[in-house]
PDB file of N, CA and C in Angstrom:
ATOM      1  N   MET A   1       9.159 -13.483  -6.920  1.00  0.00           N
ATOM      2  CA  MET A   1       9.286 -12.257  -7.367  1.00  0.00           C
ATOM      3  C   MET A   1       9.002 -11.097  -6.484  1.00  0.00           C
ATOM      4  N   HIS A   2       9.875 -10.208  -6.451  1.00  0.00           N
ATOM      5  CA  HIS A   2       9.620  -9.026  -5.410  1.00  0.00           C
ATOM      6  C   HIS A   2       9.232  -7.879  -6.229  1.00  0.00           C
ATOM      7  N   LEU A   3       8.085  -7.190  -6.008  1.00  0.00           N
ATOM      8  CA  LEU A   3       7.719  -6.025  -6.697  1.00  0.00           C
ATOM      9  C   LEU A   3       7.684  -4.719  -5.805  1.00  0.00           C
ATOM     10  N   LEU A   4       8.123  -3.685  -6.355  1.00  0.00           N
ATOM     11  CA  LEU A   4       7.753  -2.368  -5.612  1.00  0.00           C
ATOM     12  C   LEU A   4       6.519  -1.730  -6.222  1.00  0.00           C
ATOM     13  N   PHE A   5       5.568  -1.492  -5.146  1.00  0.00           N
ATOM     14  CA  PHE A   5       4.539  -0.691  -5.728  1.00  0.00           C
ATOM     15  C   PHE A   5       4.556   0.719  -5.319  1.00  0.00           C
ATOM     16  N   ALA A   6       4.800   1.676  -6.173  1.00  0.00           N
ATOM     17  CA  ALA A   6       4.790   2.969  -5.825  1.00  0.00           C
ATOM     18  C   ALA A   6       3.550   3.874  -5.991  1.00  0.00           C
ATOM     19  N   THR A   7       3.057   4.549  -4.933  1.00  0.00           N
ATOM     20  CA  THR A   7       1.942   5.162  -4.979  1.00  0.00           C
ATOM     21  C   THR A   7       1.868   6.545  -4.075  1.00  0.00           C
ATOM     22  N   SER A   8       1.125   7.377  -4.314  1.00  0.00           N
ATOM     23  CA  SER A   8       1.144   8.544  -3.635  1.00  0.00           C
ATOM     24  C   SER A   8       0.692   8.262  -1.947  1.00  0.00           C
ATOM     25  N   ILE A   9      -0.587   7.506  -2.027  1.00  0.00           N
ATOM     26  CA  ILE A   9      -1.063   7.258  -0.665  1.00  0.00           C
ATOM     27  C   ILE A   9      -1.200   5.717  -0.399  1.00  0.00           C
ATOM     28  N   VAL A  10      -0.376   5.274   0.597  1.00  0.00           N
ATOM     29  CA  VAL A  10      -0.500   3.684   0.880  1.00  0.00           C
ATOM     30  C   VAL A  10      -1.683   3.376   1.547  1.00  0.00           C
ATOM     31  N   PRO A  11      -2.247   2.204   1.367  1.00  0.00           N
ATOM     32  CA  PRO A  11      -3.360   1.770   2.017  1.00  0.00           C
ATOM     33  C   PRO A  11      -3.325   1.727   3.621  1.00  0.00           C
ATOM     34  N   ASP A  12      -4.296   2.320   4.207  1.00  0.00           N
ATOM     35  CA  ASP A  12      -4.300   2.350   5.694  1.00  0.00           C
ATOM     36  C   ASP A  12      -5.385   1.559   6.461  1.00  0.00           C
ATOM     37  N   GLY A  13      -6.136   0.731   5.553  1.00  0.00           N
ATOM     38  CA  GLY A  13      -7.117  -0.191   6.003  1.00  0.00           C
ATOM     39  C   GLY A  13      -8.453   0.578   6.057  1.00  0.00           C
ATOM     40  N   ALA A  14      -8.542   1.822   6.181  1.00  0.00           N
ATOM     41  CA  ALA A  14      -9.894   2.554   6.035  1.00  0.00           C
ATOM     42  C   ALA A  14     -10.583   2.497   4.636  1.00  0.00           C
ATOM     43  N   LEU A  15      -9.737   2.654   3.497  1.00  0.00           N
ATOM     44  CA  LEU A  15     -10.218   2.631   2.211  1.00  0.00           C
ATOM     45  C   LEU A  15     -11.200   3.675   2.022  1.00  0.00           C
ATOM     46  N   ALA A  16     -11.006   4.952   2.250  1.00  0.00           N
ATOM     47  CA  ALA A  16     -11.980   5.965   2.187  1.00  0.00           C
ATOM     48  C   ALA A  16     -12.257   6.593   0.764  1.00  0.00           C
ATOM     49  N   SER A  17     -11.529   6.285  -0.179  1.00  0.00           N
ATOM     50  CA  SER A  17     -11.671   6.704  -1.552  1.00  0.00           C
ATOM     51  C   SER A  17     -11.514   5.615  -2.577  1.00  0.00           C
ATOM     52  N   GLY A  18     -11.921   5.922  -3.793  1.00  0.00           N
ATOM     53  CA  GLY A  18     -11.813   5.054  -4.979  1.00  0.00           C
ATOM     54  C   GLY A  18     -10.382   4.654  -5.090  1.00  0.00           C
ATOM     55  N   TYR A  19      -9.481   5.634  -4.898  1.00  0.00           N
ATOM     56  CA  TYR A  19      -7.993   5.480  -5.358  1.00  0.00           C
ATOM     57  C   TYR A  19      -7.417   4.389  -4.245  1.00  0.00           C
ATOM     58  N   GLU A  20      -7.825   4.703  -3.051  1.00  0.00           N
ATOM     59  CA  GLU A  20      -7.385   3.765  -2.017  1.00  0.00           C
ATOM     60  C   GLU A  20      -7.809   2.308  -2.049  1.00  0.00           C
ATOM     61  N   ILE A  21      -9.067   2.241  -2.435  1.00  0.00           N
ATOM     62  CA  ILE A  21      -9.493   0.935  -2.763  1.00  0.00           C
ATOM     63  C   ILE A  21      -8.993   0.344  -4.012  1.00  0.00           C
ATOM     64  N   ALA A  22      -8.864   0.782  -4.930  1.00  0.00           N
ATOM     65  CA  ALA A  22      -8.009   0.459  -6.118  1.00  0.00           C
ATOM     66  C   ALA A  22      -6.693  -0.030  -5.845  1.00  0.00           C
ATOM     67  N   ASN A  23      -6.001   0.799  -4.980  1.00  0.00           N
ATOM     68  CA  ASN A  23      -4.623   0.423  -4.672  1.00  0.00           C
ATOM     69  C   ASN A  23      -4.461  -0.810  -3.811  1.00  0.00           C
ATOM     70  N   ALA A  24      -5.401  -0.879  -2.874  1.00  0.00           N
ATOM     71  CA  ALA A  24      -5.421  -2.216  -2.113  1.00  0.00           C
ATOM     72  C   ALA A  24      -5.864  -3.328  -2.916  1.00  0.00           C
ATOM     73  N   ALA A  25      -6.758  -3.186  -3.865  1.00  0.00           N
ATOM     74  CA  ALA A  25      -7.174  -4.389  -4.818  1.00  0.00           C
ATOM     75  C   ALA A  25      -6.063  -4.772  -5.568  1.00  0.00           C
ATOM     76  N   ILE A  26      -5.278  -3.967  -6.145  1.00  0.00           N
ATOM     77  CA  ILE A  26      -4.211  -4.249  -6.977  1.00  0.00           C
ATOM     78  C   ILE A  26      -3.023  -4.920  -6.207  1.00  0.00           C
ATOM     79  N   ILE A  27      -2.658  -4.439  -5.087  1.00  0.00           N
ATOM     80  CA  ILE A  27      -1.688  -4.998  -4.047  1.00  0.00           C
ATOM     81  C   ILE A  27      -2.116  -6.402  -3.821  1.00  0.00           C
ATOM     82  N   ALA A  28      -3.456  -6.491  -3.289  1.00  0.00           N
ATOM     83  CA  ALA A  28      -3.887  -8.076  -2.843  1.00  0.00           C
ATOM     84  C   ALA A  28      -3.803  -8.798  -4.072  1.00  0.00           C
ATOM     85  N   ALA A  29      -4.187  -8.482  -5.400  1.00  0.00           N
ATOM     86  CA  ALA A  29      -4.125  -9.401  -6.434  1.00  0.00           C
ATOM     87  C   ALA A  29      -2.650  -9.760  -6.775  1.00  0.00           C
ATOM     88  N   LEU A  30      -1.709  -8.930  -6.740  1.00  0.00           N
ATOM     89  CA  LEU A  30      -0.394  -9.190  -6.949  1.00  0.00           C
ATOM     90  C   LEU A  30       0.159 -10.211  -5.808  1.00  0.00           C
ATOM     91  N   ARG A  31      -0.171 -10.024  -4.734  1.00  0.00           N
ATOM     92  CA  ARG A  31       0.126 -10.876  -3.569  1.00  0.00           C
ATOM     93  C   ARG A  31      -0.404 -12.364  -3.859  1.00  0.00           C
ATOM     94  N   ARG A  32      -1.869 -12.331  -4.383  1.00  0.00           N
ATOM     95  CA  ARG A  32      -2.537 -13.641  -4.538  1.00  0.00           C
ATOM     96  C   ARG A  32      -1.703 -14.392  -5.743  1.00  0.00           C
ATOM     97  N   ALA A  33      -1.176 -13.482  -6.604  1.00  0.00           N
ATOM     98  CA  ALA A  33      -0.691 -14.124  -7.757  1.00  0.00           C
ATOM     99  C   ALA A  33       0.785 -14.756  -7.301  1.00  0.00           C
ATOM    100  N   GLY A  34       1.270 -14.576  -6.075  1.00  0.00           N
ATOM    101  CA  GLY A  34       2.525 -14.994  -5.630  1.00  0.00           C
ATOM    102  C   GLY A  34       3.760 -14.118  -5.462  1.00  0.00           C
ATOM    103  N   ALA A  35       3.487 -12.808  -5.751  1.00  0.00           N
ATOM    104  CA  ALA A  35       4.403 -11.782  -5.714  1.00  0.00           C
ATOM    105  C   ALA A  35       4.611 -11.422  -4.323  1.00  0.00           C
ATOM    106  N   ARG A  36       5.890 -10.989  -3.904  1.00  0.00           N
ATOM    107  CA  ARG A  36       6.162 -10.227  -2.654  1.00  0.00           C
ATOM    108  C   ARG A  36       6.115  -8.914  -3.139  1.00  0.00           C
ATOM    109  N   VAL A  37       5.314  -7.996  -2.353  1.00  0.00           N
ATOM    110  CA  VAL A  37       4.986  -6.613  -2.739  1.00  0.00           C
ATOM    111  C   VAL A  37       5.432  -5.731  -1.603  1.00  0.00           C
ATOM    112  N   THR A  38       6.213  -4.915  -1.979  1.00  0.00           N
ATOM    113  CA  THR A  38       6.678  -3.665  -0.949  1.00  0.00           C
ATOM    114  C   THR A  38       5.994  -2.470  -1.491  1.00  0.00           C
ATOM    115  N   VAL A  39       5.218  -1.707  -0.636  1.00  0.00           N
ATOM    116  CA  VAL A  39       4.469  -0.611  -1.081  1.00  0.00           C
ATOM    117  C   VAL A  39       5.233   0.731  -0.686  1.00  0.00           C
ATOM    118  N   ILE A  40       5.341   1.729  -1.330  1.00  0.00           N
ATOM    119  CA  ILE A  40       6.327   2.931  -1.004  1.00  0.00           C
ATOM    120  C   ILE A  40       5.246   4.068  -1.314  1.00  0.00           C
ATOM    121  N   GLY A  41       5.130   4.979  -0.478  1.00  0.00           N
ATOM    122  CA  GLY A  41       4.327   6.167  -0.662  1.00  0.00           C
ATOM    123  C   GLY A  41       4.126   7.025   0.691  1.00  0.00           C
ATOM    124  N   PHE A  42       3.146   7.985   0.696  1.00  0.00           N
ATOM    125  CA  PHE A  42       2.919   8.526   1.754  1.00  0.00           C
ATOM    126  C   PHE A  42       1.606   8.107   2.481  1.00  0.00           C
ATOM    127  N   THR A  43       1.359   8.528   3.720  1.00  0.00           N
ATOM    128  CA  THR A  43       0.190   8.224   4.570  1.00  0.00           C
ATOM    129  C   THR A  43      -0.502   9.410   4.766  1.00  0.00           C
ATOM    130  N   TRP A  44      -1.752   9.314   5.217  1.00  0.00           N
ATOM    131  CA  TRP A  44      -2.612  10.389   5.655  1.00  0.00           C
ATOM    132  C   TRP A  44      -2.050  10.607   7.050  1.00  0.00           C
ATOM    133  N   PRO A  45      -2.088  12.022   7.477  1.00  0.00           N
ATOM    134  CA  PRO A  45      -1.541  12.414   8.834  1.00  0.00           C
ATOM    135  C   PRO A  45      -2.230  11.559   9.919  1.00  0.00           C
ATOM    136  N   GLY A  46      -1.541  10.876  10.870  1.00  0.00           N
ATOM    137  CA  GLY A  46      -2.015  10.098  11.966  1.00  0.00           C
ATOM    138  C   GLY A  46      -2.547   8.853  11.653  1.00  0.00           C
ATOM    139  N   LYS A  47      -2.473   8.247  10.251  1.00  0.00           N
ATOM    140  CA  LYS A  47      -2.927   7.044   9.947  1.00  0.00           C
ATOM    141  C   LYS A  47      -1.773   6.198   9.455  1.00  0.00           C
ATOM    142  N   PRO A  48      -1.630   5.006  10.215  1.00  0.00           N
ATOM    143  CA  PRO A  48      -0.489   4.179   9.809  1.00  0.00           C
ATOM    144  C   PRO A  48      -0.845   3.227   8.678  1.00  0.00           C
ATOM    145  N   ALA A  49       0.218   2.733   8.025  1.00  0.00           N
ATOM    146  CA  ALA A  49       0.158   1.874   6.957  1.00  0.00           C
ATOM    147  C   ALA A  49      -0.680   0.493   7.410  1.00  0.00           C
ATOM    148  N   SER A  50      -1.393   0.047   6.627  1.00  0.00           N
ATOM    149  CA  SER A  50      -2.175  -1.349   7.108  1.00  0.00           C
ATOM    150  C   SER A  50      -1.115  -2.424   7.066  1.00  0.00           C
ATOM    151  N   ASP A  51      -0.157  -2.431   6.334  1.00  0.00           N
ATOM    152  CA  ASP A  51       0.901  -3.463   6.280  1.00  0.00           C
ATOM    153  C   ASP A  51       2.411  -2.893   6.453  1.00  0.00           C
ATOM    154  N   PRO A  52       2.538  -2.454   7.789  1.00  0.00           N
ATOM    155  CA  PRO A  52       3.817  -1.703   8.050  1.00  0.00           C
ATOM    156  C   PRO A  52       5.147  -2.465   7.833  1.00  0.00           C
ATOM    157  N   GLN A  53       4.959  -3.913   7.893  1.00  0.00           N
ATOM    158  CA  GLN A  53       6.187  -4.793   7.464  1.00  0.00           C
ATOM    159  C   GLN A  53       6.642  -4.717   6.095  1.00  0.00           C
ATOM    160  N   ASN A  54       5.796  -4.444   5.182  1.00  0.00           N
ATOM    161  CA  ASN A  54       5.872  -4.392   3.747  1.00  0.00           C
ATOM    162  C   ASN A  54       5.806  -3.026   3.088  1.00  0.00           C
ATOM    163  N   THR A  55       5.852  -2.009   3.940  1.00  0.00           N
ATOM    164  CA  THR A  55       5.509  -0.481   3.520  1.00  0.00           C
ATOM    165  C   THR A  55       6.656   0.442   3.856  1.00  0.00           C
ATOM    166  N   VAL A  56       7.092   1.112   2.929  1.00  0.00           N
ATOM    167  CA  VAL A  56       8.071   2.275   3.157  1.00  0.00           C
ATOM    168  C   VAL A  56       7.345   3.600   3.020  1.00  0.00           C
ATOM    169  N   VAL A  57       7.133   4.158   4.269  1.00  0.00           N
ATOM    170  CA  VAL A  57       6.490   5.526   4.350  1.00  0.00           C
ATOM    171  C   VAL A  57       7.420   6.666   4.029  1.00  0.00           C
ATOM    172  N   LEU A  58       7.004   7.406   3.066  1.00  0.00           N
ATOM    173  CA  LEU A  58       7.946   8.568   2.775  1.00  0.00           C
ATOM    174  C   LEU A  58       7.449   9.780   3.601  1.00  0.00           C
ATOM    175  N   GLY A  59       8.462  10.509   3.958  1.00  0.00           N
ATOM    176  CA  GLY A  59       8.349  11.857   4.753  1.00  0.00           C
ATOM    177  C   GLY A  59       7.974  11.555   6.149  1.00  0.00           C
ATOM    178  N   ALA A  60       8.253  10.171   6.632  1.00  0.00           N
ATOM    179  CA  ALA A  60       8.103  10.014   8.134  1.00  0.00           C
ATOM    180  C   ALA A  60       9.243  10.260   8.819  1.00  0.00           C
TER     181      ALA A  60
END
């Protein structure tokens, strides 16, 4: 199964807020359950996505 996870801020590995921590936890849980997950959303300025191969960055 291939899922698209749409969010306003994609995880960048720093996990500075509860929102980013929750997004990373949800994405990790979906992947552990066997789903292929592509994430779509924005990044903080100057911060790359933590999984660029499976992320579509908007506004880039």
